[in-house]
Amino acid sequence: MRRLVPALLTLAACQQTPAPGIDLSVDNLTRGAVAVAPPPTKSTTATPAYVGAKIERPDLLVDKPTLHLPTHVPPTFSLQTGATLSPSGNTSKSMVDAVTVSVDMIGTPATELAVEFVSPSGTPYERRTVQATGSVDDAQHFDFVLPVAGTWIDSQAITGQWTARIFLAGAEQPAATFTIDP
């Protein structure tokens, strides 16, 4: 230790810049202590890097990265279905003119929307397809009408609980059900 102090004093006397990370302050030299900084590392904050309370390394300062958040967040996907018989209040096949299956959705890009009407026996009766052309921000409403009066449903007395299976871009969504009475 006795050899280290004179060597450091000689180095200071030559007015050479000390190696990064060595504290040559008089306080440390008189007490016989030398502070050595760890090897330089990249900092992710814009605060100074300190070793003890004496050495500041401004060369280790790094600007904080700028975070660019989207200014517009699209709405969450939502799809709701419902079925209504017309005229309202009638459920008898001889009184029902048509069944309307409504689909309301938001948060989906332009894609194919399909409704498959399935009879009470589980047999597909009819499939209708439309192209949804709105953006993810647009609330969209679609009506699919299934005629009843004067159709095969009426003449063959296809009564009971029907299912309207909904498909969005080929993926099945929650179905709507309705009942046609004899």
N, C-alpha and C. Protein backbone atom coordinates (compact mmCIF):
# COMPACT_ATOMS: atom_id res chain seq x y z
N MET A 1 0.81 -1.18 0.00
CA MET A 1 0.00 0.00 0.00
C MET A 1 0.87 1.26 0.00
N ARG A 2 2.03 1.16 0.68
CA ARG A 2 2.91 2.31 0.76
C ARG A 2 3.48 2.66 -0.61
N ARG A 3 3.61 1.70 -1.48
CA ARG A 3 4.15 1.96 -2.81
C ARG A 3 3.08 2.53 -3.73
N LEU A 4 1.87 2.24 -3.46
CA LEU A 4 0.76 2.68 -4.32
C LEU A 4 0.53 4.18 -4.21
N VAL A 5 0.60 4.73 -3.00
CA VAL A 5 0.34 6.15 -2.80
C VAL A 5 1.36 7.01 -3.54
N PRO A 6 2.65 6.76 -3.43
CA PRO A 6 3.60 7.61 -4.19
C PRO A 6 3.39 7.48 -5.71
N ALA A 7 3.05 6.30 -6.15
CA ALA A 7 2.83 6.12 -7.58
C ALA A 7 1.65 6.96 -8.05
N LEU A 8 0.62 7.00 -7.26
CA LEU A 8 -0.55 7.80 -7.62
C LEU A 8 -0.25 9.29 -7.55
N LEU A 9 0.53 9.72 -6.57
CA LEU A 9 0.91 11.12 -6.48
C LEU A 9 1.77 11.54 -7.67
N THR A 10 2.64 10.67 -8.10
CA THR A 10 3.46 10.94 -9.28
C THR A 10 2.59 11.07 -10.51
N LEU A 11 1.64 10.23 -10.63
CA LEU A 11 0.71 10.27 -11.75
C LEU A 11 -0.07 11.57 -11.75
N ALA A 12 -0.51 12.02 -10.59
CA ALA A 12 -1.26 13.27 -10.49
C ALA A 12 -0.36 14.46 -10.79
N ALA A 13 0.91 14.39 -10.37
CA ALA A 13 1.84 15.48 -10.60
C ALA A 13 2.12 15.67 -12.08
N CYS A 14 2.10 14.63 -12.84
CA CYS A 14 2.35 14.72 -14.27
C CYS A 14 1.16 15.31 -15.01
N GLN A 15 0.09 15.53 -14.31
CA GLN A 15 -1.15 16.09 -14.86
C GLN A 15 -1.68 15.26 -16.02
N GLN A 16 -1.47 13.99 -15.92
CA GLN A 16 -2.07 13.11 -16.91
C GLN A 16 -3.47 12.76 -16.46
N THR A 17 -4.31 12.57 -17.41
CA THR A 17 -5.68 12.18 -17.08
C THR A 17 -5.66 10.75 -16.57
N PRO A 18 -6.23 10.50 -15.39
CA PRO A 18 -6.22 9.13 -14.87
C PRO A 18 -7.14 8.24 -15.70
N ALA A 19 -6.91 6.96 -15.58
CA ALA A 19 -7.75 5.98 -16.27
C ALA A 19 -9.19 6.13 -15.78
N PRO A 20 -10.17 5.89 -16.65
CA PRO A 20 -11.56 6.00 -16.21
C PRO A 20 -11.82 5.06 -15.04
N GLY A 21 -12.50 5.61 -14.04
CA GLY A 21 -12.90 4.78 -12.92
C GLY A 21 -11.99 4.86 -11.72
N ILE A 22 -10.89 5.68 -11.77
CA ILE A 22 -10.00 5.78 -10.62
C ILE A 22 -10.22 7.13 -9.97
N ASP A 23 -10.46 7.13 -8.65
CA ASP A 23 -10.71 8.35 -7.90
C ASP A 23 -9.40 8.79 -7.25
N LEU A 24 -8.85 9.91 -7.72
CA LEU A 24 -7.60 10.41 -7.17
C LEU A 24 -7.82 11.62 -6.29
N SER A 25 -8.98 11.76 -5.70
CA SER A 25 -9.24 12.92 -4.86
C SER A 25 -8.35 12.89 -3.63
N VAL A 26 -8.05 14.04 -3.11
CA VAL A 26 -7.14 14.17 -1.98
C VAL A 26 -7.70 13.44 -0.77
N ASP A 27 -9.01 13.47 -0.57
CA ASP A 27 -9.61 12.79 0.58
C ASP A 27 -9.27 11.31 0.57
N ASN A 28 -9.38 10.68 -0.59
CA ASN A 28 -9.11 9.25 -0.66
C ASN A 28 -7.62 8.95 -0.54
N LEU A 29 -6.76 9.81 -1.09
CA LEU A 29 -5.33 9.55 -1.05
C LEU A 29 -4.77 9.70 0.36
N THR A 30 -5.30 10.65 1.11
CA THR A 30 -4.77 10.84 2.46
C THR A 30 -5.19 9.70 3.37
N ARG A 31 -6.27 9.07 3.09
CA ARG A 31 -6.70 7.94 3.89
C ARG A 31 -6.14 6.63 3.35
N GLY A 32 -5.48 6.69 2.23
CA GLY A 32 -4.89 5.50 1.65
C GLY A 32 -5.87 4.64 0.89
N ALA A 33 -7.01 5.21 0.46
CA ALA A 33 -8.02 4.43 -0.26
C ALA A 33 -8.12 4.91 -1.69
N VAL A 34 -8.31 4.03 -2.60
CA VAL A 34 -8.50 4.36 -4.00
C VAL A 34 -9.79 3.69 -4.45
N ALA A 35 -10.68 4.50 -5.02
CA ALA A 35 -11.95 3.96 -5.51
C ALA A 35 -11.79 3.57 -6.96
N VAL A 36 -12.20 2.42 -7.32
CA VAL A 36 -12.11 1.95 -8.70
C VAL A 36 -13.53 1.66 -9.19
N ALA A 37 -13.86 2.24 -10.33
CA ALA A 37 -15.19 2.03 -10.91
C ALA A 37 -15.23 0.71 -11.66
N PRO A 38 -16.41 0.11 -11.75
CA PRO A 38 -16.54 -1.11 -12.55
C PRO A 38 -16.37 -0.77 -14.02
N PRO A 39 -16.17 -1.77 -14.86
CA PRO A 39 -16.02 -1.48 -16.30
C PRO A 39 -17.27 -0.78 -16.83
N PRO A 40 -17.08 0.09 -17.84
CA PRO A 40 -18.23 0.83 -18.38
C PRO A 40 -19.30 -0.13 -18.91
N THR A 41 -20.55 0.23 -18.63
CA THR A 41 -21.69 -0.53 -19.15
C THR A 41 -22.70 0.45 -19.70
N LYS A 42 -23.59 -0.04 -20.53
CA LYS A 42 -24.66 0.80 -21.08
C LYS A 42 -25.75 0.94 -20.03
N SER A 43 -26.23 2.14 -19.86
CA SER A 43 -27.32 2.40 -18.92
C SER A 43 -28.58 2.65 -19.73
N THR A 44 -29.71 2.19 -19.22
CA THR A 44 -30.96 2.40 -19.95
C THR A 44 -31.70 3.61 -19.42
N THR A 45 -31.12 4.28 -18.42
CA THR A 45 -31.77 5.48 -17.89
C THR A 45 -30.91 6.68 -18.20
N ALA A 46 -31.46 7.86 -18.04
CA ALA A 46 -30.73 9.08 -18.31
C ALA A 46 -30.21 9.69 -17.02
N THR A 47 -29.97 8.87 -16.00
CA THR A 47 -29.41 9.35 -14.75
C THR A 47 -27.92 9.03 -14.73
N PRO A 48 -27.10 9.86 -14.05
CA PRO A 48 -25.66 9.61 -14.03
C PRO A 48 -25.33 8.30 -13.32
N ALA A 49 -24.24 7.67 -13.77
CA ALA A 49 -23.77 6.45 -13.12
C ALA A 49 -22.74 6.87 -12.08
N TYR A 50 -22.88 6.42 -10.86
CA TYR A 50 -21.98 6.78 -9.77
C TYR A 50 -21.32 5.55 -9.19
N VAL A 51 -20.08 5.72 -8.76
CA VAL A 51 -19.41 4.72 -7.94
C VAL A 51 -19.12 5.45 -6.65
N GLY A 52 -19.66 4.99 -5.58
CA GLY A 52 -19.56 5.73 -4.32
C GLY A 52 -20.30 7.03 -4.48
N ALA A 53 -19.69 8.13 -4.06
CA ALA A 53 -20.32 9.43 -4.22
C ALA A 53 -19.41 10.40 -4.93
N LYS A 54 -18.33 9.90 -5.54
CA LYS A 54 -17.32 10.79 -6.08
C LYS A 54 -17.19 10.75 -7.60
N ILE A 55 -17.40 9.60 -8.22
CA ILE A 55 -17.11 9.48 -9.64
C ILE A 55 -18.41 9.56 -10.43
N GLU A 56 -18.46 10.48 -11.35
CA GLU A 56 -19.62 10.61 -12.23
C GLU A 56 -19.15 10.27 -13.63
N ARG A 57 -19.90 9.44 -14.32
CA ARG A 57 -19.52 9.01 -15.66
C ARG A 57 -20.57 9.49 -16.67
N PRO A 58 -20.48 10.74 -17.11
CA PRO A 58 -21.47 11.21 -18.08
C PRO A 58 -21.40 10.48 -19.41
N ASP A 59 -20.25 9.83 -19.69
CA ASP A 59 -20.15 9.09 -20.94
C ASP A 59 -21.04 7.85 -20.93
N LEU A 60 -21.56 7.47 -19.74
CA LEU A 60 -22.44 6.30 -19.66
C LEU A 60 -23.92 6.69 -19.80
N LEU A 61 -24.20 7.97 -19.91
CA LEU A 61 -25.59 8.40 -20.04
C LEU A 61 -26.14 8.02 -21.40
N VAL A 62 -27.33 7.48 -21.39
CA VAL A 62 -28.00 7.09 -22.62
C VAL A 62 -29.39 7.71 -22.61
N ASP A 63 -29.80 8.27 -23.72
CA ASP A 63 -31.15 8.82 -23.79
C ASP A 63 -32.17 7.71 -23.60
N LYS A 64 -33.24 8.05 -22.90
CA LYS A 64 -34.32 7.08 -22.74
C LYS A 64 -34.97 6.85 -24.10
N PRO A 65 -35.27 5.59 -24.42
CA PRO A 65 -35.94 5.34 -25.69
C PRO A 65 -37.34 5.95 -25.69
N THR A 66 -37.72 6.47 -26.82
CA THR A 66 -39.05 7.06 -26.94
C THR A 66 -40.05 5.96 -27.25
N LEU A 67 -41.11 5.93 -26.48
CA LEU A 67 -42.16 4.93 -26.67
C LEU A 67 -43.29 5.58 -27.44
N HIS A 68 -43.59 5.05 -28.62
CA HIS A 68 -44.65 5.58 -29.45
C HIS A 68 -45.88 4.70 -29.29
N LEU A 69 -46.87 5.20 -28.58
CA LEU A 69 -48.12 4.47 -28.41
C LEU A 69 -49.07 4.84 -29.53
N PRO A 70 -49.89 3.90 -29.95
CA PRO A 70 -50.86 4.25 -31.00
C PRO A 70 -51.84 5.28 -30.46
N THR A 71 -52.18 6.22 -31.31
CA THR A 71 -53.11 7.26 -30.89
C THR A 71 -54.55 6.76 -30.99
N HIS A 72 -54.76 5.67 -31.71
CA HIS A 72 -56.10 5.13 -31.86
C HIS A 72 -56.10 3.65 -31.51
N VAL A 73 -56.94 3.27 -30.59
CA VAL A 73 -57.07 1.87 -30.22
C VAL A 73 -58.41 1.38 -30.75
N PRO A 74 -58.39 0.37 -31.63
CA PRO A 74 -59.66 -0.11 -32.19
C PRO A 74 -60.54 -0.72 -31.10
N PRO A 75 -61.85 -0.70 -31.31
CA PRO A 75 -62.76 -1.27 -30.30
C PRO A 75 -62.59 -2.78 -30.19
N THR A 76 -62.96 -3.30 -29.05
CA THR A 76 -62.93 -4.74 -28.81
C THR A 76 -64.00 -5.40 -29.66
N PHE A 77 -63.67 -6.59 -30.18
CA PHE A 77 -64.61 -7.32 -31.01
C PHE A 77 -65.87 -7.67 -30.22
N SER A 78 -67.01 -7.44 -30.83
CA SER A 78 -68.29 -7.78 -30.21
C SER A 78 -69.25 -8.21 -31.30
N LEU A 79 -69.99 -9.30 -31.06
CA LEU A 79 -70.98 -9.78 -32.01
C LEU A 79 -72.22 -10.21 -31.22
N GLN A 80 -73.37 -9.68 -31.62
CA GLN A 80 -74.63 -10.03 -30.97
C GLN A 80 -75.62 -10.46 -32.03
N THR A 81 -76.41 -11.48 -31.69
CA THR A 81 -77.40 -12.00 -32.64
C THR A 81 -78.77 -12.02 -31.97
N GLY A 82 -79.78 -12.05 -32.80
CA GLY A 82 -81.15 -12.16 -32.32
C GLY A 82 -82.06 -12.60 -33.45
N ALA A 83 -83.19 -13.20 -33.10
CA ALA A 83 -84.17 -13.64 -34.11
C ALA A 83 -85.53 -13.10 -33.73
N THR A 84 -86.24 -12.57 -34.74
CA THR A 84 -87.62 -12.09 -34.53
C THR A 84 -88.52 -12.67 -35.60
N LEU A 85 -89.73 -13.03 -35.18
CA LEU A 85 -90.73 -13.56 -36.11
C LEU A 85 -91.68 -12.43 -36.47
N SER A 86 -92.11 -12.40 -37.71
CA SER A 86 -93.06 -11.35 -38.10
C SER A 86 -94.27 -12.00 -38.78
N PRO A 87 -95.42 -11.51 -38.52
CA PRO A 87 -95.70 -10.39 -37.62
C PRO A 87 -95.38 -10.73 -36.17
N SER A 88 -95.04 -9.69 -35.43
CA SER A 88 -94.62 -9.85 -34.03
C SER A 88 -95.72 -10.52 -33.20
N GLY A 89 -95.29 -11.40 -32.33
CA GLY A 89 -96.23 -12.08 -31.44
C GLY A 89 -96.76 -13.39 -31.98
N ASN A 90 -96.57 -13.68 -33.26
CA ASN A 90 -97.05 -14.94 -33.85
C ASN A 90 -95.91 -15.95 -33.89
N THR A 91 -96.24 -17.22 -33.58
CA THR A 91 -95.25 -18.29 -33.65
C THR A 91 -95.76 -19.47 -34.48
N SER A 92 -97.05 -19.45 -34.86
CA SER A 92 -97.63 -20.53 -35.64
C SER A 92 -97.16 -20.44 -37.09
N LYS A 93 -96.80 -21.60 -37.69
CA LYS A 93 -96.30 -21.61 -39.06
C LYS A 93 -97.29 -21.01 -40.04
N SER A 94 -98.58 -21.11 -39.74
CA SER A 94 -99.59 -20.56 -40.64
C SER A 94 -99.73 -19.05 -40.49
N MET A 95 -99.17 -18.49 -39.40
CA MET A 95 -99.29 -17.05 -39.15
C MET A 95 -97.97 -16.29 -39.37
N VAL A 96 -96.85 -17.01 -39.34
CA VAL A 96 -95.55 -16.35 -39.47
C VAL A 96 -95.23 -16.15 -40.95
N ASP A 97 -94.96 -14.90 -41.31
CA ASP A 97 -94.57 -14.59 -42.69
C ASP A 97 -93.08 -14.86 -42.91
N ALA A 98 -92.25 -14.44 -41.93
CA ALA A 98 -90.80 -14.57 -42.08
C ALA A 98 -90.14 -14.50 -40.72
N VAL A 99 -88.91 -14.97 -40.68
CA VAL A 99 -88.06 -14.86 -39.49
C VAL A 99 -86.85 -14.02 -39.90
N THR A 100 -86.54 -13.03 -39.08
CA THR A 100 -85.37 -12.17 -39.35
C THR A 100 -84.31 -12.43 -38.29
N VAL A 101 -83.12 -12.84 -38.73
CA VAL A 101 -81.99 -13.02 -37.83
C VAL A 101 -81.10 -11.80 -38.01
N SER A 102 -80.89 -11.08 -36.91
CA SER A 102 -80.07 -9.86 -36.93
C SER A 102 -78.70 -10.14 -36.33
N VAL A 103 -77.68 -9.58 -36.96
CA VAL A 103 -76.31 -9.69 -36.47
C VAL A 103 -75.75 -8.29 -36.36
N ASP A 104 -75.33 -7.92 -35.15
CA ASP A 104 -74.67 -6.64 -34.91
C ASP A 104 -73.25 -6.93 -34.47
N MET A 105 -72.30 -6.24 -35.11
CA MET A 105 -70.90 -6.48 -34.75
C MET A 105 -70.08 -5.21 -34.88
N ILE A 106 -68.97 -5.21 -34.13
CA ILE A 106 -68.00 -4.11 -34.18
C ILE A 106 -66.64 -4.72 -33.86
N GLY A 107 -65.60 -4.08 -34.35
CA GLY A 107 -64.24 -4.54 -34.05
C GLY A 107 -63.74 -5.63 -34.98
N THR A 108 -64.31 -5.73 -36.17
CA THR A 108 -63.86 -6.74 -37.12
C THR A 108 -63.61 -6.08 -38.47
N PRO A 109 -62.54 -6.46 -39.15
CA PRO A 109 -62.28 -5.90 -40.47
C PRO A 109 -63.24 -6.50 -41.49
N ALA A 110 -63.13 -6.04 -42.71
CA ALA A 110 -63.95 -6.56 -43.80
C ALA A 110 -63.74 -8.07 -43.91
N THR A 111 -64.82 -8.81 -43.90
CA THR A 111 -64.75 -10.26 -43.95
C THR A 111 -66.10 -10.83 -44.35
N GLU A 112 -66.15 -12.13 -44.52
CA GLU A 112 -67.40 -12.79 -44.90
C GLU A 112 -68.21 -13.14 -43.65
N LEU A 113 -69.50 -12.87 -43.73
CA LEU A 113 -70.44 -13.20 -42.66
C LEU A 113 -71.50 -14.11 -43.25
N ALA A 114 -71.76 -15.23 -42.59
CA ALA A 114 -72.74 -16.18 -43.11
C ALA A 114 -73.68 -16.62 -41.99
N VAL A 115 -74.92 -16.92 -42.39
CA VAL A 115 -75.92 -17.49 -41.48
C VAL A 115 -76.44 -18.77 -42.13
N GLU A 116 -76.43 -19.84 -41.34
CA GLU A 116 -76.94 -21.11 -41.81
C GLU A 116 -78.18 -21.45 -40.97
N PHE A 117 -79.33 -21.53 -41.63
CA PHE A 117 -80.56 -21.89 -40.95
C PHE A 117 -80.63 -23.41 -40.86
N VAL A 118 -80.75 -23.93 -39.63
CA VAL A 118 -80.78 -25.37 -39.40
C VAL A 118 -82.16 -25.73 -38.85
N SER A 119 -82.80 -26.72 -39.50
CA SER A 119 -84.16 -27.13 -39.11
C SER A 119 -84.14 -27.83 -37.75
N PRO A 120 -85.31 -28.03 -37.14
CA PRO A 120 -85.38 -28.72 -35.85
C PRO A 120 -84.79 -30.13 -35.88
N SER A 121 -84.75 -30.77 -37.05
CA SER A 121 -84.18 -32.12 -37.14
C SER A 121 -82.65 -32.09 -37.18
N GLY A 122 -82.05 -30.89 -37.28
CA GLY A 122 -80.59 -30.76 -37.34
C GLY A 122 -80.05 -30.68 -38.76
N THR A 123 -80.94 -30.72 -39.75
CA THR A 123 -80.55 -30.65 -41.16
C THR A 123 -80.41 -29.19 -41.60
N PRO A 124 -79.29 -28.81 -42.22
CA PRO A 124 -79.19 -27.45 -42.75
C PRO A 124 -80.29 -27.20 -43.79
N TYR A 125 -80.99 -26.09 -43.65
CA TYR A 125 -82.09 -25.76 -44.54
C TYR A 125 -81.65 -24.75 -45.61
N GLU A 126 -80.92 -23.73 -45.20
CA GLU A 126 -80.52 -22.67 -46.12
C GLU A 126 -79.33 -21.91 -45.54
N ARG A 127 -78.46 -21.45 -46.43
CA ARG A 127 -77.29 -20.67 -45.99
C ARG A 127 -77.26 -19.36 -46.77
N ARG A 128 -77.04 -18.27 -46.06
CA ARG A 128 -76.93 -16.95 -46.67
C ARG A 128 -75.58 -16.36 -46.32
N THR A 129 -74.95 -15.67 -47.28
CA THR A 129 -73.63 -15.09 -47.07
C THR A 129 -73.61 -13.65 -47.57
N VAL A 130 -72.96 -12.77 -46.81
CA VAL A 130 -72.73 -11.38 -47.22
C VAL A 130 -71.27 -11.03 -46.95
N GLN A 131 -70.81 -10.00 -47.59
CA GLN A 131 -69.46 -9.50 -47.34
C GLN A 131 -69.56 -8.26 -46.46
N ALA A 132 -69.01 -8.33 -45.27
CA ALA A 132 -68.94 -7.17 -44.38
C ALA A 132 -67.81 -6.29 -44.90
N THR A 133 -68.11 -5.04 -45.22
CA THR A 133 -67.12 -4.18 -45.87
C THR A 133 -66.62 -3.06 -44.99
N GLY A 134 -67.08 -2.94 -43.77
CA GLY A 134 -66.65 -1.84 -42.90
C GLY A 134 -65.26 -2.07 -42.33
N SER A 135 -64.81 -1.09 -41.57
CA SER A 135 -63.52 -1.21 -40.89
C SER A 135 -63.75 -1.69 -39.47
N VAL A 136 -62.67 -1.91 -38.73
CA VAL A 136 -62.80 -2.38 -37.35
C VAL A 136 -63.49 -1.36 -36.46
N ASP A 137 -63.51 -0.11 -36.88
CA ASP A 137 -64.15 0.94 -36.09
C ASP A 137 -65.65 1.04 -36.34
N ASP A 138 -66.12 0.45 -37.42
CA ASP A 138 -67.53 0.59 -37.80
C ASP A 138 -68.42 -0.42 -37.09
N ALA A 139 -69.52 0.07 -36.52
CA ALA A 139 -70.56 -0.83 -36.02
C ALA A 139 -71.37 -1.24 -37.25
N GLN A 140 -71.57 -2.53 -37.42
CA GLN A 140 -72.26 -3.03 -38.60
C GLN A 140 -73.50 -3.84 -38.18
N HIS A 141 -74.55 -3.71 -38.97
CA HIS A 141 -75.80 -4.42 -38.70
C HIS A 141 -76.22 -5.16 -39.98
N PHE A 142 -76.59 -6.43 -39.81
CA PHE A 142 -77.03 -7.24 -40.95
C PHE A 142 -78.32 -7.96 -40.57
N ASP A 143 -79.25 -8.03 -41.51
CA ASP A 143 -80.49 -8.78 -41.33
C ASP A 143 -80.53 -9.90 -42.35
N PHE A 144 -80.82 -11.11 -41.90
CA PHE A 144 -80.99 -12.27 -42.77
C PHE A 144 -82.44 -12.72 -42.61
N VAL A 145 -83.20 -12.67 -43.70
CA VAL A 145 -84.63 -12.98 -43.65
C VAL A 145 -84.88 -14.37 -44.22
N LEU A 146 -85.60 -15.18 -43.43
CA LEU A 146 -86.00 -16.52 -43.85
C LEU A 146 -87.51 -16.51 -44.05
N PRO A 147 -88.00 -16.55 -45.30
CA PRO A 147 -89.45 -16.60 -45.53
C PRO A 147 -90.03 -17.91 -44.98
N VAL A 148 -91.25 -17.82 -44.43
CA VAL A 148 -91.91 -19.00 -43.87
C VAL A 148 -93.22 -19.28 -44.61
N ALA A 149 -94.10 -18.27 -44.68
CA ALA A 149 -95.41 -18.45 -45.31
C ALA A 149 -95.25 -18.80 -46.79
N GLY A 150 -95.94 -19.87 -47.22
CA GLY A 150 -95.92 -20.28 -48.62
C GLY A 150 -94.62 -20.96 -49.04
N THR A 151 -93.79 -21.37 -48.12
CA THR A 151 -92.52 -22.03 -48.45
C THR A 151 -92.58 -23.49 -48.03
N TRP A 152 -91.51 -24.19 -48.24
CA TRP A 152 -91.35 -25.59 -47.86
C TRP A 152 -91.61 -25.75 -46.35
N ILE A 153 -91.19 -24.77 -45.56
CA ILE A 153 -91.40 -24.80 -44.11
C ILE A 153 -92.89 -24.91 -43.80
N ASP A 154 -93.69 -24.10 -44.49
CA ASP A 154 -95.14 -24.08 -44.27
C ASP A 154 -95.80 -25.35 -44.82
N SER A 155 -95.49 -25.71 -46.05
CA SER A 155 -96.17 -26.85 -46.69
C SER A 155 -95.77 -28.19 -46.08
N GLN A 156 -94.56 -28.32 -45.58
CA GLN A 156 -94.10 -29.59 -44.99
C GLN A 156 -94.19 -29.58 -43.46
N ALA A 157 -94.72 -28.51 -42.89
CA ALA A 157 -94.90 -28.36 -41.45
C ALA A 157 -93.60 -28.63 -40.69
N ILE A 158 -92.55 -27.91 -41.08
CA ILE A 158 -91.26 -28.06 -40.40
C ILE A 158 -91.29 -27.12 -39.19
N THR A 159 -91.75 -27.67 -38.08
CA THR A 159 -91.93 -26.86 -36.87
C THR A 159 -91.01 -27.35 -35.76
N GLY A 160 -90.84 -26.48 -34.77
CA GLY A 160 -89.97 -26.80 -33.63
C GLY A 160 -88.92 -25.72 -33.48
N GLN A 161 -87.86 -26.03 -32.75
CA GLN A 161 -86.80 -25.04 -32.51
C GLN A 161 -85.78 -25.08 -33.63
N TRP A 162 -85.62 -23.94 -34.30
CA TRP A 162 -84.66 -23.75 -35.37
C TRP A 162 -83.39 -23.10 -34.79
N THR A 163 -82.29 -23.29 -35.48
CA THR A 163 -81.02 -22.66 -35.09
C THR A 163 -80.47 -21.88 -36.27
N ALA A 164 -80.05 -20.68 -35.99
CA ALA A 164 -79.36 -19.86 -37.00
C ALA A 164 -77.89 -19.83 -36.60
N ARG A 165 -77.06 -20.64 -37.27
CA ARG A 165 -75.63 -20.71 -36.97
C ARG A 165 -74.93 -19.55 -37.68
N ILE A 166 -74.12 -18.83 -36.95
CA ILE A 166 -73.44 -17.63 -37.46
C ILE A 166 -71.97 -17.97 -37.69
N PHE A 167 -71.45 -17.56 -38.85
CA PHE A 167 -70.04 -17.79 -39.19
C PHE A 167 -69.41 -16.46 -39.61
N LEU A 168 -68.28 -16.13 -39.00
CA LEU A 168 -67.55 -14.92 -39.33
C LEU A 168 -66.17 -15.35 -39.82
N ALA A 169 -65.89 -15.10 -41.07
CA ALA A 169 -64.63 -15.53 -41.71
C ALA A 169 -64.45 -17.04 -41.54
N GLY A 170 -65.54 -17.77 -41.59
CA GLY A 170 -65.50 -19.23 -41.50
C GLY A 170 -65.52 -19.77 -40.08
N ALA A 171 -65.33 -18.92 -39.08
CA ALA A 171 -65.32 -19.37 -37.68
C ALA A 171 -66.72 -19.22 -37.09
N GLU A 172 -67.19 -20.30 -36.47
CA GLU A 172 -68.55 -20.28 -35.91
C GLU A 172 -68.62 -19.38 -34.69
N GLN A 173 -69.68 -18.60 -34.62
CA GLN A 173 -69.95 -17.66 -33.53
C GLN A 173 -71.19 -18.13 -32.77
N PRO A 174 -71.56 -17.47 -31.69
CA PRO A 174 -72.77 -17.87 -30.96
C PRO A 174 -74.01 -17.83 -31.87
N ALA A 175 -74.83 -18.87 -31.77
CA ALA A 175 -76.00 -19.01 -32.63
C ALA A 175 -77.22 -18.33 -32.04
N ALA A 176 -78.19 -18.07 -32.90
CA ALA A 176 -79.51 -17.58 -32.48
C ALA A 176 -80.51 -18.70 -32.69
N THR A 177 -81.51 -18.78 -31.83
CA THR A 177 -82.54 -19.81 -31.97
C THR A 177 -83.91 -19.14 -32.02
N PHE A 178 -84.85 -19.84 -32.65
CA PHE A 178 -86.23 -19.38 -32.69
C PHE A 178 -87.11 -20.61 -32.85
N THR A 179 -88.39 -20.47 -32.49
CA THR A 179 -89.32 -21.58 -32.54
C THR A 179 -90.50 -21.25 -33.44
N ILE A 180 -90.81 -22.20 -34.33
CA ILE A 180 -92.02 -22.10 -35.17
C ILE A 180 -92.95 -23.21 -34.71
N ASP A 181 -94.13 -22.82 -34.27
CA ASP A 181 -95.11 -23.78 -33.75
C ASP A 181 -95.99 -24.31 -34.89
N PRO A 182 -96.61 -25.51 -34.67
CA PRO A 182 -97.52 -26.06 -35.70
C PRO A 182 -98.75 -25.20 -35.89
